[in-house]
Amino acid sequence: MSNTLILLIVLGLGVFGFFAGRSRAMATAGGDRRLLHSLPNYYGANVALNAIVPAVIVLFTWSIVQPMVINGAVSGMINQDRIAEGSSLGLVMSDVRRVAEGLDVAVAQGVMTPDMASDLRAESSNVREQLAEVGVALGSGVTSETLQAAQSYRAMAGTGNLLKTLVVLLVSVAGLAVSWRLITRDYRARNVVEKGIMIVLIGAASIAILTTVGIVLSLIFNTYEFFKLYPVTDFFFGTNWSPSFSGRGQSSELGILPLLWGTLYISFIALLVAVPIGLFAAIYLSEYASKTVRSIAKPMLEVLAGIPTIVYGLFALLTVGPMLVEVFGDGGLLGVNWMSGGTAVMTAGLVMGMMLIPFVSSLSDDIINAVPQAMRDGSLGLGATHSETVRQVIIPAALPGIVGAILLAASRAIGETMIVVLGAGAAARLSLNPFDAMTTVTAKIVSQLTGDSDFSSPVALVAFALGITLFVVTLGLNIFALYIVRKYREQYE
């Protein structure tokens, strides 16, 4: 039974428990709710929470622990002496899981019976072709050892899923029955429910914090493994990025400076586009536009924030790039030969700037509107014109918040990927020419993790070093921006 179906059953038991608990509470009070310690809905909510929350916790924990346990058990069946050169146990286990999933798909589609999937032998049949018929593509042939491990993996997973279903439903029913039995008219259901909700809220906050901690730790540990294989100084001070996917990557040059330069250069051009347009748009909407114009223009401007970045990337590749080539390319309108192709820093920077306009304009608009009206009235009362009030009073007062909005937009630009991949190219170089093709840290993180390389090699692990470097840069910008915004808010609260 799938996790979704189990969760739906648990939620159904919770709904049933709510009405059952409410009915029992009214029955214990003889139908007079005034005799109850809490409102009837609190009794129902108590039963529902006890039926849902413990079961969901068990389901979530089981879903995380079961694959780890099965993976550990099955990996012990793999003879590491037989692992092919250039491969690893992790890659073999990936093939095992892929074959196990393929057998499940074949059984689900009726191509194989459960007994056929369990008795299948690699020596007597072409497992790869059989799984390809049900839409499961394998990169190489399936060995006898891999097939046996996959069958064991599938059997353990089936047993684990059955036990998971029984245990989760048993916990849900037990929670419902126990909480239902405890209901009396003097039972303090409201106190219990409010305490339970507080625990749920604390758990949600803890999950968010632990997720952040997990991301950071995974970056740190894998970055440490990378620096055991590649010198730290060559990474941070190297001026050449030339990964080699042959062998284990010892011939690679993995200097981050060209990637950082491309990231900052593209972000700088994007901010040159987004900051003036976004700030001027915010000033117009907050100080000059009528209510009718503002009600139409502001939502239309914010539509830009909802466009997927892949669409911006296609716009850069198919429209902005060719347009710039027609102007700055060989035989273009200006008669110069500055740009040889559509992919360039300028292309990505212009399109990324368009994407950042709503970030700057919306935040700046809210910040400008938060300036107290008394400051406007005082300036106008002293004889200043509207434009002088905007220029000499409102903008200086809102400047800390505007700077924070710009820094938040900068961190968004630094982390962008798709626009860079499609608009700026993939060349890692140190150049001042904005019409050259360059790339960024985020684009190389994607390429390094999708290349044909052993995951334990430097050319794959370098993605984590790139990621933690980018994380530190964006975290610093965000902290600085939040500090400025918080300081601004304290000024007017």
Protein backbone atom coordinates (compact mmCIF):
# COMPACT_ATOMS: atom_id res chain seq x y z
CA MET A 1 0.00 0.00 0.00
CA SER A 2 1.40 3.39 -0.98
CA ASN A 3 2.17 6.11 1.55
CA THR A 4 -0.49 8.34 0.00
CA LEU A 5 -3.20 5.73 0.47
CA ILE A 6 -2.06 5.05 4.04
CA LEU A 7 -2.14 8.76 4.78
CA LEU A 8 -5.66 9.08 3.34
CA ILE A 9 -6.86 6.19 5.51
CA VAL A 10 -5.31 7.80 8.59
CA LEU A 11 -6.95 11.12 7.78
CA GLY A 12 -10.26 9.28 7.32
CA LEU A 13 -9.85 7.71 10.76
CA GLY A 14 -9.11 11.18 12.14
CA VAL A 15 -12.33 12.59 10.67
CA PHE A 16 -14.28 9.65 12.05
CA GLY A 17 -12.62 10.12 15.42
CA PHE A 18 -13.57 13.80 15.49
CA PHE A 19 -17.28 13.08 15.15
CA ALA A 20 -17.08 10.04 17.45
CA GLY A 21 -15.32 12.04 20.17
CA ARG A 22 -17.75 14.91 19.86
CA SER A 23 -20.72 12.56 20.11
CA ARG A 24 -19.30 10.76 23.15
CA ALA A 25 -18.64 14.07 24.91
CA MET A 26 -22.25 15.16 24.37
CA ALA A 27 -23.46 11.76 25.53
CA THR A 28 -21.49 11.97 28.80
CA ALA A 29 -23.08 15.39 29.47
CA GLY A 30 -26.58 14.16 28.73
CA GLY A 31 -26.77 16.41 25.67
CA ASP A 32 -26.13 19.60 27.68
CA ARG A 33 -22.86 21.15 26.52
CA ARG A 34 -22.89 23.48 29.53
CA LEU A 35 -21.89 20.54 31.72
CA LEU A 36 -18.74 19.92 29.69
CA HIS A 37 -15.37 21.34 30.74
CA SER A 38 -14.56 22.23 27.08
CA LEU A 39 -16.52 22.81 23.92
CA PRO A 40 -17.57 19.58 22.16
CA ASN A 41 -15.30 20.30 19.20
CA TYR A 42 -12.27 20.13 21.50
CA TYR A 43 -13.15 16.56 22.47
CA GLY A 44 -13.48 15.63 18.80
CA ALA A 45 -10.22 17.40 17.93
CA ASN A 46 -8.44 15.53 20.72
CA VAL A 47 -9.51 12.17 19.29
CA ALA A 48 -8.62 13.25 15.76
CA LEU A 49 -5.15 14.45 16.77
CA ASN A 50 -4.41 11.22 18.62
CA ALA A 51 -5.52 9.22 15.59
CA ILE A 52 -3.51 11.25 13.06
CA VAL A 53 -0.35 12.72 14.58
CA PRO A 54 1.31 9.58 16.08
CA ALA A 55 0.48 7.56 12.95
CA VAL A 56 1.93 10.24 10.64
CA ILE A 57 5.10 10.38 12.74
CA VAL A 58 5.49 6.60 12.50
CA LEU A 59 4.81 6.69 8.74
CA PHE A 60 7.35 9.46 8.17
CA THR A 61 10.03 7.80 10.31
CA TRP A 62 9.45 4.37 8.78
CA SER A 63 9.66 5.78 5.24
CA ILE A 64 13.07 7.27 6.04
CA VAL A 65 14.55 4.37 7.99
CA GLN A 66 13.33 1.45 5.84
CA PRO A 67 15.34 2.28 2.67
CA MET A 68 18.47 2.79 4.78
CA VAL A 69 18.05 -0.57 6.50
CA ILE A 70 17.30 -2.44 3.27
CA ASN A 71 20.15 -0.72 1.44
CA GLY A 72 22.56 -1.72 4.20
CA ALA A 73 21.35 -5.32 4.18
CA VAL A 74 21.44 -5.72 0.40
CA SER A 75 24.81 -4.00 -0.02
CA GLY A 76 26.29 -6.72 2.16
CA MET A 77 25.28 -9.23 -0.53
CA ILE A 78 27.48 -7.50 -3.13
CA ASN A 79 30.94 -8.97 -3.53
CA GLN A 80 33.10 -5.85 -3.69
CA ASP A 81 35.92 -7.80 -5.33
CA ARG A 82 33.71 -8.24 -8.40
CA ILE A 83 32.88 -4.55 -8.80
CA ALA A 84 34.16 -3.39 -12.18
CA GLU A 85 37.02 -0.93 -12.37
CA GLY A 86 35.76 2.65 -12.54
CA SER A 87 32.57 1.71 -10.71
CA SER A 88 31.73 1.75 -7.02
CA LEU A 89 29.39 0.12 -4.53
CA GLY A 90 27.12 3.16 -4.69
CA LEU A 91 26.74 2.83 -8.45
CA VAL A 92 26.07 -0.91 -8.16
CA MET A 93 23.38 -0.27 -5.52
CA SER A 94 21.84 2.32 -7.82
CA ASP A 95 21.55 -0.38 -10.50
CA VAL A 96 20.07 -2.77 -7.93
CA ARG A 97 17.37 -0.28 -6.96
CA ARG A 98 16.67 0.48 -10.60
CA VAL A 99 16.19 -3.20 -11.43
CA ALA A 100 13.99 -3.71 -8.34
CA GLU A 101 11.79 -0.80 -9.39
CA GLY A 102 11.63 -2.20 -12.92
CA LEU A 103 10.46 -5.58 -11.62
CA ASP A 104 7.76 -3.84 -9.61
CA VAL A 105 6.61 -1.95 -12.70
CA ALA A 106 6.57 -5.16 -14.75
CA VAL A 107 4.43 -6.90 -12.13
CA ALA A 108 2.11 -3.90 -11.85
CA GLN A 109 1.59 -3.84 -15.64
CA GLY A 110 0.91 -7.57 -15.78
CA VAL A 111 3.98 -8.36 -17.89
CA MET A 112 5.28 -10.63 -15.13
CA THR A 113 3.67 -12.46 -12.26
CA PRO A 114 5.16 -12.01 -8.77
CA ASP A 115 6.56 -15.55 -8.95
CA MET A 116 8.19 -14.88 -12.33
CA ALA A 117 9.84 -11.71 -10.99
CA SER A 118 11.17 -13.64 -7.99
CA ASP A 119 12.42 -16.61 -10.04
CA LEU A 120 13.90 -14.61 -12.93
CA ARG A 121 17.50 -15.50 -13.77
CA ALA A 122 19.98 -13.37 -15.69
CA GLU A 123 21.58 -16.43 -17.36
CA SER A 124 18.35 -17.60 -19.02
CA SER A 125 16.76 -14.28 -20.04
CA ASN A 126 17.66 -10.77 -21.14
CA VAL A 127 16.49 -8.77 -18.14
CA ARG A 128 17.47 -5.46 -19.71
CA GLU A 129 15.19 -5.99 -22.74
CA GLN A 130 12.32 -7.22 -20.58
CA LEU A 131 12.46 -4.13 -18.39
CA ALA A 132 12.81 -1.88 -21.44
CA GLU A 133 9.44 -3.19 -22.64
CA VAL A 134 7.77 -1.66 -19.56
CA GLY A 135 9.59 1.66 -19.91
CA VAL A 136 12.50 1.09 -17.51
CA ALA A 137 15.78 1.90 -19.26
CA LEU A 138 19.04 0.51 -17.91
CA GLY A 139 22.45 1.80 -18.93
CA SER A 140 24.10 -1.62 -18.99
CA GLY A 141 23.31 -5.30 -18.83
CA VAL A 142 22.07 -6.91 -15.63
CA THR A 143 24.46 -9.38 -14.03
CA SER A 144 23.32 -12.37 -12.03
CA GLU A 145 24.58 -10.82 -8.80
CA THR A 146 22.76 -7.53 -9.47
CA LEU A 147 19.51 -9.35 -10.29
CA GLN A 148 19.65 -11.47 -7.14
CA ALA A 149 20.34 -8.39 -5.03
CA ALA A 150 17.43 -6.59 -6.73
CA GLN A 151 15.09 -9.50 -6.02
CA SER A 152 16.17 -9.50 -2.37
CA TYR A 153 15.74 -5.72 -2.25
CA ARG A 154 12.25 -6.05 -3.70
CA ALA A 155 11.28 -8.82 -1.27
CA MET A 156 12.53 -6.86 1.75
CA ALA A 157 10.78 -3.72 0.53
CA GLY A 158 7.52 -5.63 0.08
CA THR A 159 7.72 -7.07 3.59
CA GLY A 160 8.66 -3.69 5.02
CA ASN A 161 5.77 -1.95 3.26
CA LEU A 162 3.31 -4.53 4.59
CA LEU A 163 4.60 -4.12 8.14
CA LYS A 164 4.56 -0.34 7.74
CA THR A 165 0.90 -0.39 6.69
CA LEU A 166 -0.10 -2.63 9.61
CA VAL A 167 1.89 -0.68 12.22
CA VAL A 168 0.74 2.76 11.05
CA LEU A 169 -2.94 1.76 10.94
CA LEU A 170 -2.64 -0.01 14.29
CA VAL A 171 -1.13 3.13 15.86
CA SER A 172 -3.90 5.26 14.38
CA VAL A 173 -6.68 2.97 15.59
CA ALA A 174 -5.06 2.64 19.03
CA GLY A 175 -4.76 6.41 19.39
CA LEU A 176 -8.38 6.84 18.36
CA ALA A 177 -9.66 4.14 20.75
CA VAL A 178 -7.62 5.25 23.78
CA SER A 179 -8.48 8.95 23.41
CA TRP A 180 -12.15 8.08 22.83
CA ARG A 181 -12.24 5.97 26.00
CA LEU A 182 -10.74 8.77 28.09
CA ILE A 183 -13.55 11.20 27.29
CA THR A 184 -15.66 12.28 30.26
CA ARG A 185 -17.52 15.50 30.81
CA ASP A 186 -14.77 16.69 33.19
CA TYR A 187 -11.93 15.79 30.81
CA ARG A 188 -9.84 18.89 30.06
CA ALA A 189 -9.92 18.43 26.29
CA ARG A 190 -9.20 22.07 25.48
CA ASN A 191 -5.96 22.08 27.50
CA VAL A 192 -4.82 18.82 25.90
CA VAL A 193 -5.64 19.98 22.35
CA GLU A 194 -3.93 23.34 22.75
CA LYS A 195 -0.85 21.66 24.20
CA GLY A 196 -0.87 19.14 21.37
CA ILE A 197 -1.15 21.86 18.75
CA MET A 198 1.76 23.67 20.38
CA ILE A 199 3.83 20.49 20.14
CA VAL A 200 2.90 20.15 16.46
CA LEU A 201 3.95 23.76 15.82
CA ILE A 202 7.24 23.22 17.63
CA GLY A 203 7.78 20.08 15.56
CA ALA A 204 7.14 22.00 12.33
CA ALA A 205 9.62 24.69 13.36
CA SER A 206 12.14 22.01 14.32
CA ILE A 207 11.78 20.30 10.92
CA ALA A 208 12.52 23.61 9.18
CA ILE A 209 15.60 24.15 11.34
CA LEU A 210 16.81 20.57 11.00
CA THR A 211 16.37 20.73 7.22
CA THR A 212 18.66 23.76 7.10
CA VAL A 213 21.17 22.03 9.38
CA GLY A 214 21.04 18.89 7.21
CA ILE A 215 21.69 20.86 4.03
CA VAL A 216 24.63 22.67 5.59
CA LEU A 217 26.13 19.48 7.04
CA SER A 218 25.82 17.62 3.73
CA LEU A 219 27.64 20.48 2.01
CA ILE A 220 30.34 20.58 4.68
CA PHE A 221 31.02 16.82 4.74
CA ASN A 222 31.17 16.47 0.96
CA THR A 223 33.28 19.61 0.67
CA TYR A 224 35.69 18.09 3.19
CA GLU A 225 35.91 14.95 1.04
CA PHE A 226 36.65 17.14 -1.98
CA PHE A 227 39.46 19.03 -0.26
CA LYS A 228 41.02 15.70 0.73
CA LEU A 229 41.40 15.04 -3.00
CA TYR A 230 42.05 18.54 -4.35
CA PRO A 231 44.20 21.37 -2.89
CA VAL A 232 42.30 24.18 -1.18
CA THR A 233 44.56 26.89 -2.58
CA ASP A 234 44.16 25.65 -6.15
CA PHE A 235 40.40 25.73 -5.76
CA PHE A 236 40.03 29.21 -4.25
CA PHE A 237 42.86 30.91 -6.15
CA GLY A 238 42.95 28.98 -9.40
CA THR A 239 42.19 30.97 -12.56
CA ASN A 240 41.38 28.03 -14.82
CA TRP A 241 38.29 25.83 -14.81
CA SER A 242 38.88 22.71 -16.87
CA PRO A 243 37.30 19.56 -15.38
CA SER A 244 38.26 16.22 -16.90
CA PHE A 245 35.73 13.41 -16.77
CA SER A 246 38.25 10.76 -17.75
CA GLY A 247 39.53 8.48 -15.04
CA ARG A 248 39.08 9.91 -11.55
CA GLY A 249 39.67 13.54 -12.49
CA GLN A 250 43.28 13.97 -11.34
CA SER A 251 44.05 16.00 -14.48
CA SER A 252 41.28 18.51 -13.80
CA GLU A 253 41.87 22.18 -13.04
CA LEU A 254 39.11 23.38 -10.73
CA GLY A 255 39.76 27.03 -9.94
CA ILE A 256 36.65 28.87 -8.77
CA LEU A 257 37.73 32.42 -9.68
CA PRO A 258 36.39 32.36 -13.28
CA LEU A 259 33.03 31.10 -12.00
CA LEU A 260 32.83 33.71 -9.25
CA TRP A 261 33.75 36.41 -11.74
CA GLY A 262 31.03 35.30 -14.15
CA THR A 263 28.49 35.13 -11.31
CA LEU A 264 29.26 38.61 -10.02
CA TYR A 265 29.55 40.13 -13.52
CA ILE A 266 26.15 38.83 -14.66
CA SER A 267 24.56 39.81 -11.34
CA PHE A 268 26.04 43.31 -11.61
CA ILE A 269 24.57 43.86 -15.08
CA ALA A 270 21.23 42.47 -13.89
CA LEU A 271 21.18 44.94 -10.99
CA LEU A 272 22.08 47.80 -13.35
CA VAL A 273 18.89 46.95 -15.22
CA ALA A 274 16.60 46.05 -12.32
CA VAL A 275 17.46 48.71 -9.72
CA PRO A 276 16.77 51.91 -11.71
CA ILE A 277 13.65 50.55 -13.43
CA GLY A 278 12.31 48.89 -10.30
CA LEU A 279 13.01 51.88 -8.06
CA PHE A 280 11.53 54.42 -10.49
CA ALA A 281 8.47 52.21 -10.94
CA ALA A 282 8.07 51.99 -7.15
CA ILE A 283 8.34 55.78 -6.78
CA TYR A 284 5.75 56.32 -9.49
CA LEU A 285 3.30 53.75 -8.13
CA SER A 286 3.57 54.94 -4.53
CA GLU A 287 3.77 58.72 -5.03
CA TYR A 288 2.34 59.72 -8.39
CA ALA A 289 0.00 57.04 -9.74
CA SER A 290 -3.73 57.27 -9.13
CA LYS A 291 -5.52 54.45 -7.34
CA THR A 292 -6.91 53.18 -10.64
CA VAL A 293 -3.52 53.11 -12.34
CA ARG A 294 -1.88 51.54 -9.28
CA SER A 295 -4.53 48.81 -9.03
CA ILE A 296 -3.78 47.82 -12.64
CA ALA A 297 -0.05 48.51 -13.00
CA LYS A 298 1.17 46.90 -9.77
CA PRO A 299 -0.38 43.44 -10.40
CA MET A 300 0.80 43.53 -14.02
CA LEU A 301 4.32 44.37 -12.89
CA GLU A 302 4.29 41.57 -10.35
CA VAL A 303 3.30 39.06 -13.03
CA LEU A 304 7.00 39.09 -13.98
CA ALA A 305 7.79 37.44 -10.64
CA GLY A 306 5.52 34.50 -11.47
CA ILE A 307 7.10 33.62 -14.82
CA PRO A 308 9.26 30.46 -14.58
CA THR A 309 12.96 31.11 -15.02
CA ILE A 310 13.15 28.57 -17.85
CA VAL A 311 10.83 30.87 -19.83
CA TYR A 312 13.19 33.76 -19.17
CA GLY A 313 16.04 31.55 -20.34
CA LEU A 314 14.27 30.73 -23.59
CA PHE A 315 13.51 34.43 -24.06
CA ALA A 316 17.21 35.18 -23.64
CA LEU A 317 18.25 32.42 -26.04
CA LEU A 318 15.71 33.02 -28.80
CA THR A 319 14.99 36.75 -28.63
CA VAL A 320 17.43 38.89 -26.65
CA GLY A 321 20.61 37.12 -27.79
CA PRO A 322 19.86 37.31 -31.55
CA MET A 323 18.72 40.92 -31.12
CA LEU A 324 22.02 41.88 -29.50
CA VAL A 325 23.94 40.10 -32.26
CA GLU A 326 22.06 42.16 -34.84
CA VAL A 327 23.22 45.32 -33.07
CA PHE A 328 26.73 44.48 -31.81
CA GLY A 329 27.71 41.55 -34.02
CA ASP A 330 29.66 41.42 -37.25
CA GLY A 331 27.66 43.31 -39.88
CA GLY A 332 25.26 44.61 -37.24
CA LEU A 333 23.60 47.99 -37.01
CA LEU A 334 26.58 49.61 -35.28
CA GLY A 335 29.15 48.11 -37.65
CA VAL A 336 31.22 46.61 -34.83
CA ASN A 337 32.23 43.03 -34.17
CA TRP A 338 31.94 42.89 -30.40
CA MET A 339 29.61 39.91 -30.19
CA SER A 340 30.05 36.64 -32.09
CA GLY A 341 27.13 34.67 -30.61
CA GLY A 342 23.84 35.14 -28.84
CA THR A 343 25.05 33.66 -25.56
CA ALA A 344 26.91 36.31 -23.59
CA VAL A 345 27.10 38.01 -20.22
CA MET A 346 25.03 40.90 -21.57
CA THR A 347 22.25 38.58 -22.74
CA ALA A 348 21.88 36.85 -19.40
CA GLY A 349 22.32 40.10 -17.45
CA LEU A 350 19.58 41.95 -19.35
CA VAL A 351 17.05 39.13 -19.02
CA MET A 352 17.92 38.49 -15.39
CA GLY A 353 17.47 42.21 -14.74
CA MET A 354 13.95 41.97 -16.20
CA MET A 355 13.23 39.10 -13.86
CA LEU A 356 14.45 41.08 -10.83
CA ILE A 357 12.38 44.20 -11.56
CA PRO A 358 9.33 43.05 -9.56
CA PHE A 359 11.54 42.08 -6.60
CA VAL A 360 12.99 45.59 -6.41
CA SER A 361 9.78 47.43 -7.27
CA SER A 362 7.45 45.55 -4.92
CA LEU A 363 9.76 45.70 -1.91
CA SER A 364 10.67 49.34 -2.55
CA ASP A 365 7.02 50.25 -3.03
CA ASP A 366 6.07 48.74 0.33
CA ILE A 367 9.01 50.46 2.01
CA ILE A 368 8.19 53.86 0.52
CA ASN A 369 4.54 53.52 1.55
CA ALA A 370 5.71 52.76 5.09
CA VAL A 371 7.29 56.20 5.44
CA PRO A 372 5.00 58.12 7.85
CA GLN A 373 2.58 60.50 6.23
CA ALA A 374 3.60 63.14 8.78
CA MET A 375 6.99 63.45 7.06
CA ARG A 376 5.29 64.15 3.73
CA ASP A 377 2.88 66.64 5.29
CA GLY A 378 5.68 68.42 7.13
CA SER A 379 7.75 68.82 3.96
CA LEU A 380 4.80 70.09 1.95
CA GLY A 381 3.83 72.41 4.79
CA LEU A 382 7.29 74.00 4.67
CA GLY A 383 6.75 74.86 1.02
CA ALA A 384 8.54 72.00 -0.75
CA THR A 385 7.08 70.71 -3.99
CA HIS A 386 5.97 67.11 -4.39
CA SER A 387 9.09 66.18 -6.34
CA GLU A 388 11.33 67.86 -3.76
CA THR A 389 9.54 65.97 -0.99
CA VAL A 390 10.10 62.67 -2.80
CA ARG A 391 13.74 63.44 -3.56
CA GLN A 392 14.84 65.02 -0.28
CA VAL A 393 12.55 63.47 2.35
CA ILE A 394 10.89 60.19 1.29
CA ILE A 395 13.81 58.53 -0.55
CA PRO A 396 16.38 59.31 2.20
CA ALA A 397 13.95 58.03 4.84
CA ALA A 398 13.28 54.84 2.87
CA LEU A 399 16.89 54.35 1.76
CA PRO A 400 17.84 51.65 4.32
CA GLY A 401 14.88 49.54 3.27
CA ILE A 402 15.56 50.13 -0.41
CA VAL A 403 19.16 49.02 0.06
CA GLY A 404 17.89 45.88 1.76
CA ALA A 405 15.57 45.20 -1.19
CA ILE A 406 18.48 45.62 -3.62
CA LEU A 407 20.66 43.21 -1.63
CA LEU A 408 17.87 40.63 -1.55
CA ALA A 409 17.55 41.00 -5.34
CA ALA A 410 21.32 40.57 -5.62
CA SER A 411 21.23 37.30 -3.69
CA ARG A 412 18.41 36.13 -5.98
CA ALA A 413 20.55 36.99 -9.02
CA ILE A 414 23.59 35.15 -7.67
CA GLY A 415 21.57 31.97 -7.21
CA GLU A 416 19.95 31.97 -10.66
CA THR A 417 20.70 29.01 -12.95
CA MET A 418 18.42 28.54 -15.97
CA ILE A 419 18.81 32.05 -17.40
CA VAL A 420 22.59 31.66 -17.16
CA VAL A 421 22.63 28.22 -18.77
CA LEU A 422 20.58 29.34 -21.77
CA GLY A 423 21.67 32.98 -22.02
CA ALA A 424 25.31 33.24 -20.96
CA GLY A 425 26.85 30.04 -22.29
CA ALA A 426 29.12 27.59 -20.51
CA ALA A 427 32.59 29.12 -20.91
CA ALA A 428 34.51 29.76 -17.68
CA ARG A 429 36.76 32.72 -18.36
CA LEU A 430 38.09 35.90 -16.78
CA SER A 431 37.16 38.72 -19.13
CA LEU A 432 35.90 42.29 -18.92
CA ASN A 433 34.05 42.08 -22.22
CA PRO A 434 30.30 41.86 -21.45
CA PHE A 435 29.69 40.38 -24.91
CA ASP A 436 31.77 37.27 -24.17
CA ALA A 437 30.17 34.00 -23.14
CA MET A 438 30.73 33.13 -19.48
CA THR A 439 29.19 30.92 -16.84
CA THR A 440 28.42 31.00 -13.13
CA VAL A 441 28.80 28.88 -10.03
CA THR A 442 25.22 27.58 -10.15
CA ALA A 443 25.49 26.50 -13.78
CA LYS A 444 28.64 24.50 -13.05
CA ILE A 445 27.06 22.84 -10.02
CA VAL A 446 24.43 21.42 -12.35
CA SER A 447 26.93 20.33 -14.99
CA GLN A 448 29.31 18.69 -12.51
CA LEU A 449 26.57 16.56 -10.97
CA THR A 450 25.16 15.48 -14.34
CA GLY A 451 28.46 14.54 -15.96
CA ASP A 452 29.64 10.98 -16.61
CA SER A 453 31.94 10.77 -13.60
CA ASP A 454 32.46 8.69 -10.51
CA PHE A 455 30.73 10.43 -7.62
CA SER A 456 33.80 9.98 -5.43
CA SER A 457 36.03 11.88 -7.88
CA PRO A 458 36.99 15.56 -7.51
CA VAL A 459 35.03 16.63 -10.62
CA ALA A 460 31.80 15.47 -8.94
CA LEU A 461 32.57 16.46 -5.35
CA VAL A 462 33.60 19.95 -6.48
CA ALA A 463 29.88 20.73 -6.86
CA PHE A 464 29.57 20.70 -3.08
CA ALA A 465 32.53 23.02 -2.66
CA LEU A 466 30.92 25.36 -5.19
CA GLY A 467 27.61 25.05 -3.38
CA ILE A 468 28.98 25.94 0.06
CA THR A 469 30.88 28.89 -1.41
CA LEU A 470 27.70 30.18 -3.02
CA PHE A 471 25.79 29.47 0.21
CA VAL A 472 28.22 31.60 2.24
CA VAL A 473 28.02 34.48 -0.26
CA THR A 474 24.22 34.54 -0.46
CA LEU A 475 23.85 34.01 3.29
CA GLY A 476 26.08 37.00 3.93
CA LEU A 477 24.04 39.16 1.56
CA ASN A 478 20.76 38.03 3.12
CA ILE A 479 21.97 38.66 6.66
CA PHE A 480 23.21 42.12 5.69
CA ALA A 481 19.93 42.90 3.93
CA LEU A 482 17.80 41.69 6.85
CA TYR A 483 19.92 43.70 9.25
CA ILE A 484 19.33 46.88 7.25
CA VAL A 485 15.59 46.20 6.86
CA ARG A 486 15.22 45.43 10.58
CA LYS A 487 17.02 48.61 11.49
CA TYR A 488 14.68 50.54 9.20
CA ARG A 489 11.58 48.96 10.71
CA GLU A 490 12.67 49.73 14.25
CA GLN A 491 12.99 53.35 13.24
CA TYR A 492 9.28 53.72 12.47
CA GLU A 493 7.56 51.25 14.74
